[in-house]
Protein backbone atom coordinates (compact mmCIF):
# COMPACT_ATOMS: atom_id res chain seq x y z
CA UNK A 1 92.75 133.23 139.70
CA UNK A 2 95.08 130.91 137.65
CA UNK A 3 98.10 132.48 136.01
CA UNK A 4 97.05 134.06 132.70
CA UNK A 5 99.20 135.34 129.99
CA UNK A 6 98.48 138.85 128.99
CA UNK A 7 98.36 139.71 125.49
CA UNK A 8 98.15 143.30 124.21
CA UNK A 9 95.53 144.05 121.57
CA UNK A 10 97.70 144.02 118.53
CA UNK A 11 99.34 140.58 119.77
CA UNK A 12 95.47 139.18 120.19
CA UNK A 13 94.42 140.35 116.89
CA UNK A 14 97.27 138.57 115.09
CA UNK A 15 96.87 135.44 117.60
CA UNK A 16 92.80 135.45 116.81
CA UNK A 17 93.25 136.31 112.91
CA UNK A 18 96.58 134.03 111.96
CA UNK A 19 95.53 130.97 114.63
CA UNK A 20 95.75 128.72 111.56
CA UNK A 21 92.31 127.79 111.10
CA UNK A 22 91.51 129.90 108.17
CA UNK A 23 94.94 131.68 108.24
CA UNK A 24 95.56 134.11 105.25
CA UNK A 25 98.99 135.22 107.11
CA UNK A 26 102.24 133.95 105.98
CA UNK A 27 104.32 132.40 109.22
CA UNK A 28 107.13 134.63 110.22
CA UNK A 29 110.42 132.60 110.23
CA UNK A 30 111.91 132.31 112.60
CA UNK A 31 109.34 132.44 115.40
CA UNK A 32 109.78 134.26 118.76
CA UNK A 33 110.43 131.88 121.57
CA UNK A 34 108.10 131.84 124.68
CA UNK A 35 110.55 133.93 126.61
CA UNK A 36 110.83 136.70 123.67
CA UNK A 37 106.79 136.84 123.61
CA UNK A 38 106.76 137.06 127.51
CA UNK A 39 109.38 139.92 127.38
CA UNK A 40 107.71 141.93 124.65
CA UNK A 41 104.06 141.56 126.56
CA UNK A 42 105.56 142.67 129.67
CA UNK A 43 106.96 145.36 128.21
CA UNK A 44 103.84 146.64 126.68
CA UNK A 45 101.72 145.64 129.87
CA UNK A 46 103.89 148.11 131.93
CA UNK A 47 102.51 150.69 129.94
CA UNK A 48 98.90 150.05 130.62
CA UNK A 49 96.81 153.16 130.70
CA UNK A 50 92.98 153.72 131.54
CA UNK A 51 91.03 152.95 128.56
CA UNK A 52 93.27 149.76 127.31
CA UNK A 53 92.42 145.92 127.46
CA UNK A 54 93.67 142.90 127.21
CA UNK A 55 92.84 139.15 126.21
CA UNK A 56 94.04 136.73 128.33
CA UNK A 57 94.71 132.83 127.84
CA UNK A 58 95.54 129.95 130.43
CA UNK A 59 99.49 128.83 130.32
CA UNK A 60 98.84 126.21 132.92
CA UNK A 61 96.49 123.50 131.72
CA UNK A 62 95.46 120.59 133.96
CA UNK A 63 95.63 117.12 132.65
CA UNK A 64 92.41 115.31 132.06
CA UNK A 65 90.29 118.33 133.13
CA UNK A 66 86.65 118.22 132.27
CA UNK A 67 86.32 122.08 131.98
CA UNK A 68 89.30 124.26 132.92
CA UNK A 69 89.07 128.24 132.32
CA UNK A 70 91.39 128.68 129.19
CA UNK A 71 90.54 132.45 127.89
CA UNK A 72 89.00 135.55 129.10
CA UNK A 73 88.15 138.44 126.89
CA UNK A 74 87.14 141.77 128.52
CA UNK A 75 85.30 144.40 126.68
CA UNK A 76 83.31 147.29 127.95
CA UNK A 77 83.05 146.14 131.33
CA UNK A 78 81.79 142.59 129.98
CA UNK A 79 83.67 139.61 130.74
CA UNK A 80 83.57 136.59 128.11
CA UNK A 81 85.01 133.26 129.85
CA UNK A 82 86.18 130.32 127.66
CA UNK A 83 86.22 126.83 129.17
CA UNK A 84 87.38 123.51 127.40
CA UNK A 85 88.29 119.91 128.05
CA UNK A 86 92.03 119.19 128.65
CA UNK A 87 93.51 116.05 127.49
CA UNK A 88 96.23 113.78 129.64
CA UNK A 89 99.24 115.35 127.78
CA UNK A 90 97.91 118.83 129.10
CA UNK A 91 96.59 120.27 125.73
CA UNK A 92 93.23 121.73 125.20
CA UNK A 93 90.92 119.38 123.00
CA UNK A 94 88.18 121.88 122.58
CA UNK A 95 86.15 124.88 123.96
CA UNK A 96 83.03 123.68 124.91
CA UNK A 97 81.27 126.82 126.84
CA UNK A 98 81.64 130.27 126.78
CA UNK A 99 79.90 132.48 129.51
CA UNK A 100 79.53 136.20 129.38
CA UNK A 101 79.20 137.97 132.84
CA UNK A 102 77.67 141.38 131.98
CA UNK A 103 78.85 144.42 134.28
CA UNK A 104 76.35 145.16 136.73
CA UNK A 105 74.19 142.13 136.16
CA UNK A 106 74.04 138.80 138.34
CA UNK A 107 72.95 136.72 134.85
CA UNK A 108 75.26 134.66 133.06
CA UNK A 109 74.61 134.18 129.38
CA UNK A 110 75.73 130.43 128.33
CA UNK A 111 76.65 129.21 125.31
CA UNK A 112 77.46 125.20 125.11
CA UNK A 113 78.87 123.48 121.97
CA UNK A 114 78.66 119.83 121.54
CA UNK A 115 81.43 119.43 118.76
CA UNK A 116 80.76 115.45 118.18
CA UNK A 117 76.97 116.24 117.52
CA UNK A 118 77.39 119.61 115.72
CA UNK A 119 74.87 120.94 118.22
CA UNK A 120 74.97 124.17 120.26
CA UNK A 121 72.38 125.81 122.75
CA UNK A 122 72.08 129.20 124.44
CA UNK A 123 70.48 129.87 127.99
CA UNK A 124 70.44 132.24 130.86
CA UNK A 125 71.88 131.48 134.08
CA UNK A 126 71.00 133.45 136.98
CA UNK A 127 71.98 132.83 140.66
CA UNK A 128 72.72 129.25 139.83
CA UNK A 129 69.50 128.69 138.44
CA UNK A 130 69.26 127.79 134.61
CA UNK A 131 66.33 129.59 132.59
CA UNK A 132 63.62 127.51 131.16
CA UNK A 133 64.14 128.55 127.61
CA UNK A 134 66.78 127.21 125.74
CA UNK A 135 67.79 127.94 121.76
CA UNK A 136 69.50 124.90 120.31
CA UNK A 137 70.88 124.81 116.74
CA UNK A 138 71.42 121.75 115.19
CA UNK A 139 73.80 121.71 111.87
CA UNK A 140 73.74 119.23 109.21
CA UNK A 141 75.85 120.55 106.89
CA UNK A 142 77.55 123.97 105.23
CA UNK A 143 73.80 125.15 104.50
CA UNK A 144 71.21 123.26 106.54
CA UNK A 145 70.51 123.53 110.18
CA UNK A 146 67.67 123.84 112.36
CA UNK A 147 67.06 126.55 115.09
CA UNK A 148 64.83 125.44 118.14
CA UNK A 149 63.23 127.10 121.00
CA UNK A 150 63.08 124.28 123.68
CA UNK A 151 61.48 124.31 127.07
CA UNK A 152 63.63 122.57 129.43
CA UNK A 153 62.95 121.06 132.74
CA UNK A 154 66.42 121.07 134.24
CA UNK A 155 65.48 119.20 137.39
CA UNK A 156 63.52 116.51 135.59
CA UNK A 157 66.10 116.38 132.87
CA UNK A 158 62.95 116.49 130.41
CA UNK A 159 62.45 119.00 127.68
CA UNK A 160 59.77 120.11 125.13
CA UNK A 161 60.40 121.79 121.54
CA UNK A 162 58.23 124.97 121.45
CA UNK A 163 59.09 126.09 117.92
CA UNK A 164 61.49 124.63 115.17
CA UNK A 165 62.85 126.36 112.08
CA UNK A 166 64.60 124.41 109.61
CA UNK A 167 67.20 126.48 107.29
CA UNK A 168 67.87 124.80 103.84
CA UNK A 169 70.10 126.74 101.05
CA UNK A 170 69.62 129.83 103.18
CA UNK A 171 65.93 129.68 103.22
CA UNK A 172 63.72 128.62 105.99
CA UNK A 173 61.53 125.57 104.95
CA UNK A 174 58.51 125.70 106.95
CA UNK A 175 55.13 123.91 105.91
CA UNK A 176 52.96 126.81 107.38
CA UNK A 177 54.94 130.04 107.27
CA UNK A 178 56.08 132.17 104.56
CA UNK A 179 59.71 131.47 103.48
CA UNK A 180 62.32 133.78 104.95
CA UNK A 181 65.45 134.43 103.23
CA UNK A 182 68.67 134.11 105.49
CA UNK A 183 72.32 134.00 105.04
CA UNK A 184 73.45 130.84 106.13
CA UNK A 185 76.75 128.47 105.54
CA UNK A 186 79.03 131.39 106.00
CA UNK A 187 79.92 129.72 109.36
CA UNK A 188 80.79 126.19 108.45
CA UNK A 189 84.26 125.46 109.49
CA UNK A 190 87.03 122.99 108.18
CA UNK A 191 88.36 120.56 110.69
CA UNK A 192 91.39 121.61 112.99
CA UNK A 193 94.80 120.99 111.50
CA UNK A 194 97.04 118.11 112.88
CA UNK A 195 98.40 118.98 116.09
CA UNK A 196 96.74 122.23 116.96
CA UNK A 197 98.23 124.93 119.36
CA UNK A 198 96.19 125.97 122.30
CA UNK A 199 95.46 129.38 120.49
CA UNK A 200 94.34 127.28 117.55
CA UNK A 201 91.82 125.42 119.60
CA UNK A 202 90.51 128.91 121.24
CA UNK A 203 90.27 130.53 117.96
CA UNK A 204 88.24 127.52 116.71
CA UNK A 205 85.89 127.72 119.56
CA UNK A 206 85.80 131.65 119.24
CA UNK A 207 84.53 131.00 115.67
CA UNK A 208 82.05 128.54 116.71
CA UNK A 209 80.36 130.69 119.05
CA UNK A 210 80.38 133.74 116.65
CA UNK A 211 78.68 131.35 114.23
CA UNK A 212 76.01 130.57 116.78
CA UNK A 213 75.48 134.10 118.05
CA UNK A 214 76.20 136.00 114.71
CA UNK A 215 73.66 138.64 113.85
CA UNK A 216 72.96 136.77 110.44
CA UNK A 217 71.11 134.30 112.14
CA UNK A 218 69.80 136.76 114.86
CA UNK A 219 66.57 137.19 112.44
CA UNK A 220 65.55 133.69 112.71
CA UNK A 221 66.43 133.45 116.12
CA UNK A 222 64.56 136.74 116.91
CA UNK A 223 61.46 135.91 115.00
CA UNK A 224 61.19 132.36 116.78
CA UNK A 225 61.50 134.22 120.26
CA UNK A 226 58.91 136.77 119.54
CA UNK A 227 56.50 134.49 118.12
CA UNK A 228 56.75 132.77 121.24
CA UNK A 229 56.34 135.67 123.32
CA UNK A 230 53.02 136.83 121.36
CA UNK A 231 51.73 133.54 122.09
CA UNK A 232 52.50 133.56 126.10
CA UNK A 233 50.43 135.21 128.48
CA UNK A 234 53.05 134.91 131.20
CA UNK A 235 55.19 137.81 132.05
CA UNK A 236 57.66 135.79 133.44
CA UNK A 237 58.06 133.64 130.28
CA UNK A 238 58.19 136.95 128.44
CA UNK A 239 61.11 138.30 130.58
CA UNK A 240 62.83 134.95 130.31
CA UNK A 241 62.66 135.25 126.27
CA UNK A 242 63.90 138.71 126.50
CA UNK A 243 66.74 137.99 128.75
CA UNK A 244 67.71 134.98 126.35
CA UNK A 245 67.74 137.08 123.00
CA UNK A 246 69.74 139.83 125.02
CA UNK A 247 72.51 137.63 125.92
CA UNK A 248 72.90 135.81 122.64
CA UNK A 249 73.33 139.73 121.08
CA UNK A 250 75.83 140.43 123.91
CA UNK A 251 77.95 137.51 123.47
CA UNK A 252 78.85 138.69 119.76
CA UNK A 253 80.50 141.98 120.53
CA UNK A 254 83.44 140.99 122.65
CA UNK A 255 84.15 138.16 120.24
CA UNK A 256 84.18 140.94 117.39
CA UNK A 257 86.33 143.04 119.51
CA UNK A 258 89.12 140.93 119.26
CA UNK A 259 89.43 141.13 115.50
CA UNK A 260 88.84 144.89 115.16
CA UNK A 261 90.42 148.41 116.26
CA UNK A 262 87.85 148.02 119.68
CA UNK A 263 87.36 150.79 122.07
CA UNK A 264 88.57 148.67 125.12
CA UNK A 265 87.38 149.71 128.68
CA UNK A 266 89.23 147.58 130.86
CA UNK A 267 91.87 147.87 133.52
CA UNK A 268 93.40 144.82 135.61
CA UNK A 269 91.65 145.82 139.05
CA UNK A 270 88.18 145.48 137.51
CA UNK A 271 88.65 141.99 135.63
CA UNK A 272 85.80 139.73 136.43
CA UNK A 273 85.55 136.01 136.01
CA UNK A 274 82.15 134.55 135.86
CA UNK A 275 81.49 132.89 139.53
CA UNK A 276 81.26 129.21 138.18
CA UNK A 277 83.87 126.78 139.52
CA UNK A 278 85.79 123.94 137.50
CA UNK A 279 84.09 121.63 139.63
CA UNK A 280 80.66 122.99 139.04
CA UNK A 281 81.28 122.92 135.47
CA UNK A 282 82.63 119.48 135.47
CA UNK A 283 79.62 118.00 137.20
CA UNK A 284 77.32 119.81 135.03
CA UNK A 285 79.00 118.55 131.88
CA UNK A 286 78.82 115.03 133.00
CA UNK A 287 75.02 115.40 133.48
CA UNK A 288 74.54 117.08 130.11
CA UNK A 289 76.75 114.61 128.22
CA UNK A 290 74.92 111.75 130.01
CA UNK A 291 71.47 113.30 129.16
CA UNK A 292 72.55 113.85 125.32
CA UNK A 293 73.48 110.25 125.09
CA UNK A 294 70.16 109.22 126.45
CA UNK A 295 68.41 111.63 124.07
CA UNK A 296 70.18 110.07 121.25
CA UNK A 297 69.15 106.52 122.14
CA UNK A 298 65.66 107.68 122.65
CA UNK A 299 65.91 109.40 119.05
CA UNK A 300 67.52 106.12 117.57
CA UNK A 301 64.76 103.99 118.85
CA UNK A 302 62.20 106.43 117.36
CA UNK A 303 63.79 106.29 114.15
CA UNK A 304 64.16 102.31 114.27
CA UNK A 305 60.28 102.14 114.17
CA UNK A 306 60.02 104.74 111.28
CA UNK A 307 59.75 103.53 107.57
CA UNK A 308 60.59 105.86 104.71
CA UNK A 309 59.55 104.94 101.00
CA UNK A 310 59.07 106.56 97.94
CA UNK A 311 55.61 107.50 96.54
CA UNK A 312 56.84 107.98 92.88
CA UNK A 313 59.32 105.26 92.15
CA UNK A 314 59.88 106.62 88.32
CA UNK A 315 62.35 109.50 88.55
CA UNK A 316 63.35 111.55 85.68
CA UNK A 317 65.07 114.57 85.23
CA UNK A 318 64.73 116.49 81.74
CA UNK A 319 67.69 118.56 80.84
CA UNK A 320 65.50 120.45 78.20
CA UNK A 321 62.77 121.61 80.50
CA UNK A 322 65.14 121.64 83.52
CA UNK A 323 62.29 121.38 85.93
CA UNK A 324 63.28 119.66 89.62
CA UNK A 325 62.58 116.11 90.06
CA UNK A 326 59.70 115.89 93.08
CA UNK A 327 61.06 112.98 95.21
CA UNK A 328 57.89 112.30 97.30
CA UNK A 329 59.00 110.08 100.49
CA UNK A 330 56.04 108.19 102.46
CA UNK A 331 56.51 108.17 106.35
CA UNK A 332 55.19 105.17 108.35
CA UNK A 333 55.40 104.29 111.82
CA UNK A 334 55.79 100.36 112.46
CA UNK A 335 53.75 101.00 115.40
CA UNK A 336 51.41 103.99 116.77
CA UNK A 337 54.24 106.01 118.14
CA UNK A 338 54.15 109.63 119.19
CA UNK A 339 57.20 111.38 117.88
CA UNK A 340 58.58 114.12 120.63
CA UNK A 341 60.77 115.94 117.93
CA UNK A 342 60.83 116.60 114.10
CA UNK A 343 62.71 114.09 112.46
CA UNK A 344 65.49 114.88 109.79
CA UNK A 345 65.08 113.07 106.38
CA UNK A 346 68.37 112.81 104.47
CA UNK A 347 68.50 112.58 100.63
CA UNK A 348 71.80 112.24 98.95
CA UNK A 349 72.74 112.02 95.07
CA UNK A 350 75.98 110.12 93.94
CA UNK A 351 78.14 111.18 96.87
CA UNK A 352 78.38 111.44 100.47
CA UNK A 353 77.35 114.77 100.60
CA UNK A 354 73.85 115.38 102.07
CA UNK A 355 72.80 118.64 100.44
CA UNK A 356 69.30 117.86 100.80
CA UNK A 357 67.84 117.48 104.51
CA UNK A 358 64.24 118.20 105.62
CA UNK A 359 62.56 117.74 108.82
CA UNK A 360 59.49 115.34 108.91
CA UNK A 361 56.93 116.66 111.37
CA UNK A 362 55.24 113.81 112.97
CA UNK A 363 51.79 115.33 111.74
CA UNK A 364 52.94 115.03 108.29
CA UNK A 365 52.13 111.69 106.13
CA UNK A 366 54.73 112.73 103.54
CA UNK A 367 57.93 114.70 102.58
CA UNK A 368 58.60 116.21 99.22
CA UNK A 369 62.28 117.10 97.87
CA UNK A 370 63.02 119.07 94.88
CA UNK A 371 66.16 117.36 93.35
CA UNK A 372 68.65 118.51 90.50
CA UNK A 373 71.20 115.82 89.48
CA UNK A 374 74.81 117.38 90.51
CA UNK A 375 77.29 118.81 88.23
CA UNK A 376 75.97 117.52 84.83
CA UNK A 377 78.55 119.63 82.94
CA UNK A 378 81.18 117.34 84.44
CA UNK A 379 79.57 114.25 83.44
CA UNK A 380 78.94 114.50 79.77
CA UNK A 381 77.52 111.07 79.10
CA UNK A 382 75.80 110.63 82.55
CA UNK A 383 72.41 109.03 81.95
CA UNK A 384 71.37 107.99 85.57
CA UNK A 385 72.32 108.97 89.27
CA UNK A 386 71.86 107.03 92.27
CA UNK A 387 69.56 108.86 94.92
CA UNK A 388 69.67 107.92 98.61
CA UNK A 389 67.06 108.53 101.13
CA UNK A 390 66.24 107.68 104.68
CA UNK A 391 66.12 108.80 108.36
CA UNK A 392 69.91 108.16 108.72
CA UNK A 393 72.84 109.03 106.53
CA UNK A 394 74.58 106.02 107.26
CA UNK A 395 71.70 103.59 105.95
CA UNK A 396 70.22 105.20 103.02
CA UNK A 397 67.97 103.33 100.84
CA UNK A 398 68.99 103.79 97.10
CA UNK A 399 66.77 104.36 93.67
CA UNK A 400 67.94 105.57 90.31
CA UNK A 401 66.98 108.88 88.95
CA UNK A 402 66.99 108.66 84.93
CA UNK A 403 68.54 111.65 82.97
CA UNK A 404 67.27 112.63 79.79
CA UNK A 405 69.98 114.69 78.18
CA UNK A 406 69.73 117.28 75.65
CA UNK A 407 70.95 115.36 72.64
CA UNK A 408 70.11 116.25 69.02
CA UNK A 409 68.70 113.06 66.83
CA UNK A 410 67.55 114.75 63.74
CA UNK A 411 67.71 117.41 61.24
CA UNK A 412 65.26 118.56 58.50
CA UNK A 413 64.87 121.40 55.84
CA UNK A 414 62.20 123.79 57.06
CA UNK A 415 60.34 126.61 55.25
CA UNK A 416 62.17 125.71 51.66
CA UNK A 417 65.29 127.22 50.39
CA UNK A 418 66.36 124.23 48.38
CA UNK A 419 66.57 123.88 44.28
CA UNK A 420 66.72 127.76 43.72
CA UNK A 421 68.46 129.52 40.85
CA UNK A 422 69.95 133.00 40.72
CA UNK A 423 72.29 135.30 39.10
CA UNK A 424 76.17 134.39 39.81
CA UNK A 425 77.75 136.16 43.00
CA UNK A 426 74.09 137.13 44.36
CA UNK A 427 72.44 136.13 47.46
CA UNK A 428 69.34 133.59 46.94
CA UNK A 429 66.02 135.09 47.70
CA UNK A 430 64.99 132.58 50.05
CA UNK A 431 67.27 131.59 53.06
CA UNK A 432 68.15 127.87 53.65
CA UNK A 433 66.44 126.99 57.02
CA UNK A 434 66.66 124.01 58.91
CA UNK A 435 65.26 122.63 62.37
CA UNK A 436 66.82 120.23 64.88
CA UNK A 437 65.02 117.61 67.11
CA UNK A 438 65.32 115.37 69.73
CA UNK A 439 64.45 111.83 69.81
CA UNK A 440 61.08 112.64 71.00
CA UNK A 441 60.72 115.09 68.29
CA UNK A 442 61.01 117.93 70.15
CA UNK A 443 62.61 121.16 68.86
CA UNK A 444 66.22 121.74 70.47
CA UNK A 445 67.59 125.31 71.27
CA UNK A 446 71.32 126.08 71.22
CA UNK A 447 72.37 123.06 69.26
CA UNK A 448 75.61 123.79 67.01
CA UNK A 449 75.13 123.72 63.54
CA UNK A 450 77.62 123.13 60.74
CA UNK A 451 77.26 124.73 57.44
CA UNK A 452 79.81 124.04 54.68
CA UNK A 453 79.86 125.27 50.92
CA UNK A 454 80.86 122.06 48.99
CA UNK A 455 80.45 123.05 45.64
CA UNK A 456 80.32 126.48 43.59
CA UNK A 457 82.85 128.80 45.74
CA UNK A 458 79.89 130.24 47.14
CA UNK A 459 79.45 132.04 50.64
CA UNK A 460 77.24 131.75 53.71
CA UNK A 461 76.15 133.88 56.50
CA UNK A 462 74.82 131.45 58.89
CA UNK A 463 73.52 130.73 62.60
CA UNK A 464 76.03 128.91 64.35
CA UNK A 465 73.33 127.52 66.62
CA UNK A 466 69.52 126.88 66.70
CA UNK A 467 67.01 129.44 68.42
CA UNK A 468 64.69 128.57 70.91
CA UNK A 469 62.56 126.80 68.38
CA UNK A 470 65.32 124.52 67.00
CA UNK A 471 65.66 126.44 63.97
CA UNK A 472 68.76 127.82 62.27
CA UNK A 473 68.94 129.65 58.71
CA UNK A 474 71.69 130.67 56.44
CA UNK A 475 72.09 133.27 53.40
CA UNK A 476 73.77 131.86 50.64
CA UNK A 477 75.66 133.96 47.92
CA UNK A 478 76.12 131.73 44.76
CA UNK A 479 79.45 131.38 43.11
CA UNK A 480 80.12 132.55 39.64
CA UNK A 481 79.32 129.39 37.74
CA UNK A 482 79.05 125.50 38.05
CA UNK A 483 77.51 123.54 40.19
CA UNK A 484 76.16 125.02 43.49
CA UNK A 485 75.90 122.77 46.96
CA UNK A 486 75.75 123.45 50.56
CA UNK A 487 75.97 120.75 53.14
CA UNK A 488 74.30 121.01 56.58
CA UNK A 489 75.56 118.94 59.63
CA UNK A 490 74.48 118.42 63.31
CA UNK A 491 76.35 115.85 65.75
CA UNK A 492 74.96 113.89 68.63
CA UNK A 493 76.82 114.23 72.23
CA UNK A 494 78.70 111.17 71.10
CA UNK A 495 80.32 112.70 67.97
CA UNK A 496 77.89 110.78 65.55
CA UNK A 497 75.88 112.56 62.88
CA UNK A 498 71.92 112.69 63.52
CA UNK A 499 69.63 111.54 61.19
CA UNK A 500 69.17 113.37 57.98
CA UNK A 501 72.85 114.71 58.15
CA UNK A 502 74.39 116.08 56.01
CA UNK A 503 71.28 117.79 54.78
CA UNK A 504 72.23 118.98 51.26
CA UNK A 505 70.64 122.22 49.47
CA UNK A 506 71.47 122.67 45.49
CA UNK A 507 70.92 125.82 43.45
CA UNK A 508 71.64 126.60 39.85
CA UNK A 509 73.32 129.89 38.04
CA UNK A 510 71.03 131.80 36.15
CA UNK A 511 73.27 134.01 33.82
CA UNK A 512 72.30 137.85 33.71
CA UNK A 513 71.67 138.15 29.85
CA UNK A 514 69.60 137.44 28.16
CA UNK A 515 67.26 138.10 31.19
CA UNK A 516 63.44 137.33 30.35
CA UNK A 517 60.84 138.90 32.67
CA UNK A 518 57.17 138.28 32.44
CA UNK A 519 54.05 139.95 33.67
CA UNK A 520 51.17 137.85 33.07
CA UNK A 521 50.95 137.36 29.16
CA UNK A 522 53.63 140.41 28.40
CA UNK A 523 57.32 139.54 28.31
CA UNK A 524 60.50 141.43 28.47
CA UNK A 525 63.78 140.41 27.08
CA UNK A 526 67.02 142.27 28.09
CA UNK A 527 69.87 141.31 25.85
CA UNK A 528 72.06 143.81 28.00
CA UNK A 529 71.35 146.19 30.65
CA UNK A 530 70.16 148.98 28.39
CA UNK A 531 68.71 147.00 25.74
CA UNK A 532 65.06 145.44 25.89
CA UNK A 533 62.19 144.27 23.40
CA UNK A 534 58.95 142.58 23.44
CA UNK A 535 57.52 139.89 21.57
CA UNK A 536 54.05 141.55 22.19
CA UNK A 537 54.79 144.10 19.94
CA UNK A 538 52.06 146.69 21.06
CA UNK A 539 54.82 148.88 23.04
CA UNK A 540 56.02 151.86 21.53
CA UNK A 541 59.45 153.58 22.12
CA UNK A 542 60.25 150.52 24.57
CA UNK A 543 62.90 151.67 26.83
CA UNK A 544 64.46 149.46 29.65
CA UNK A 545 67.55 149.61 32.30
CA UNK A 546 69.04 147.24 34.80
CA UNK A 547 71.33 148.47 37.68
CA UNK A 548 72.13 145.98 40.07
CA UNK A 549 68.63 144.53 41.56
CA UNK A 550 66.64 147.87 40.30
CA UNK A 551 64.61 147.38 36.75
CA UNK A 552 63.22 150.24 35.05
CA UNK A 553 60.80 149.63 31.85
CA UNK A 554 59.03 152.51 29.86
CA UNK A 555 56.99 152.85 26.78
CA UNK A 556 53.75 154.09 25.53
CA UNK A 557 50.73 152.64 23.33
CA UNK A 558 47.81 153.84 21.48
CA UNK A 559 44.06 152.95 22.17
CA UNK A 560 41.65 154.47 19.82
CA UNK A 561 42.46 157.57 19.35
CA UNK A 562 44.42 158.34 22.89
CA UNK A 563 47.71 157.45 23.61
CA UNK A 564 48.80 156.18 27.11
CA UNK A 565 52.29 155.88 28.81
CA UNK A 566 53.25 153.33 31.28
CA UNK A 567 56.64 153.23 33.76
CA UNK A 568 57.56 150.18 35.74
CA UNK A 569 60.14 150.64 38.48
CA UNK A 570 60.69 147.25 40.19
CA UNK A 571 63.17 145.78 42.70
CA UNK A 572 64.52 142.15 41.99
CA UNK A 573 64.82 139.56 44.60
CA UNK A 574 65.97 136.39 43.21
CA UNK A 575 63.67 135.49 40.42
CA UNK A 576 60.72 137.92 41.77
CA UNK A 577 60.34 142.00 40.97
CA UNK A 578 58.19 143.79 42.90
CA UNK A 579 57.34 147.62 42.49
CA UNK A 580 54.92 149.89 40.91
CA UNK A 581 53.14 150.76 37.72
CA UNK A 582 52.47 154.40 36.88
CA UNK A 583 49.96 154.61 34.16
CA UNK A 584 48.77 157.88 32.45
CA UNK A 585 47.49 159.69 29.30
CA UNK A 586 50.05 161.33 27.08
CA UNK A 587 50.45 163.41 24.28
CA UNK A 588 54.23 163.04 23.56
CA UNK A 589 54.84 159.39 24.79
CA UNK A 590 57.18 161.03 27.55
CA UNK A 591 55.38 163.08 29.86
CA UNK A 592 51.79 162.91 31.58
CA UNK A 593 48.97 165.11 30.27
CA UNK A 594 46.58 163.95 32.88
CA UNK A 595 46.74 162.73 36.45
CA UNK A 596 48.40 159.31 36.77
CA UNK A 597 47.54 156.05 38.20
CA UNK A 598 50.24 154.35 40.47
CA UNK A 599 49.61 150.61 41.31
CA UNK A 600 51.54 147.76 42.85
CA UNK A 601 53.14 145.53 39.96
CA UNK A 602 54.71 142.38 39.97
CA UNK A 603 57.04 140.36 37.28
CA UNK A 604 58.61 137.17 37.29
CA UNK A 605 62.29 136.14 35.75
CA UNK A 606 61.76 133.04 33.77
CA UNK A 607 64.07 131.16 31.55
CA UNK A 608 64.58 132.53 28.24
CA UNK A 609 63.47 130.38 25.31
């Protein structure tokens, strides 16, 4: 076994959490020398007791090694070995393979990572023979990836995709099954820092492996494997699929154990390294890389024969309705080609970020995307964006998407409120109401409205913005005297006034006294709050009182030999009075001598001539 540096679990925890990939730890200054670290670890390891384990990493890296064992994690009797490629300067380039050797099992669970292609795959290796079924994950960006179950013919270097799930923004996109919500994107890693250390490279590799095997993805992985098992009549196939799933689950456990207070089960005597030599890996890796290159060439040839065009060339996004834009792409092969794999279709808007990727199934004739323009709030005057689409993100065909912004165009008086009259310092009976529309005549919600008293020193209680029907209103309390005027304004996005602005409302002051009230042909003239007379002349003992907006009028009159009494109790709102009239026979003119009749009554305030 190569010379391995042993780290106690505390040191390993610090190493893995503070390696610099996602470091939240402040650097310790000065850093301990290599000799001090070795001395500390030696002192700790001299105190090893049963039940304690270690993480190991390789000190002596070999130049230009295609595959070298670089780290070992032992947990509960299982051993996880990490292999990586070493450059000419004896530095670890990247971790490309993880192999789990489970206690009392001849099976090896293998995870391979093709970092340059953002591709990984899991399979089982037993007695030197690799299992038929391989689980492949192809990452496109932070939130979009495919998980495919592939049937491999290792001897013939051929493969057939059994099933593929495409995950977009955390939702499985599938034309033929219901969507399943999953948690995606949390594993996307930033690039390594400049001149990373071996420990940082190892940590980066562990993060990638953890992403591939994490339980958050196991739901989709598990469903893909279970669906395939349900469709198979072969017991051998079912066993291989079970082994694949169990191996994926088992890889996660020792990785998690390096970053928590784990229950270690290890001593130096029973440390196991997977029986797979560097030469085996080197030759295997060369074959795999060559196969991947051939597969990519084959894929490129297929894509070159594929034409992608827009079915609906007029793309418009309406900010008011906020409905997604449906981009419909027509897929046409230039020749009758059978595509042996799903093809990713890329769509981008105004940037190099491809947040929209969808797999094209060769049996489909078109693909539809739902698009929203990016970050409209950051671009106040943005009226269009560029949409790129195609089978290769480097060679996208562009089109334009027009944006209809929420932009007010006009203001109008709505439901009256203008040219009213009322007593000084009182609220007018009818609110001032306006409606705001866009250039298409559609009422606009949430538009700021500016209300200003420009004459008369009155006051307003107003809506600051329009409601969902584009309407805003204000209650106007008049000033004490003189002309009364209110201006209402709305601005476009560019700061200019909309058509119809400023909208002007006027009102006139109606002095309290004399106050003339009219009911049909009857008139009542108040010269003060407690003095009233009527030019009609038939009312006897006429009395009246005005208290705020409350009005009371009473009198009696004769009809033949009978005497009748009437009492009005009214509420005044602007120029209108509403209330009740109590009418009954009376003997003395002040109380009813028979049952009274109560009915609704209304009066109107009019100008006194």
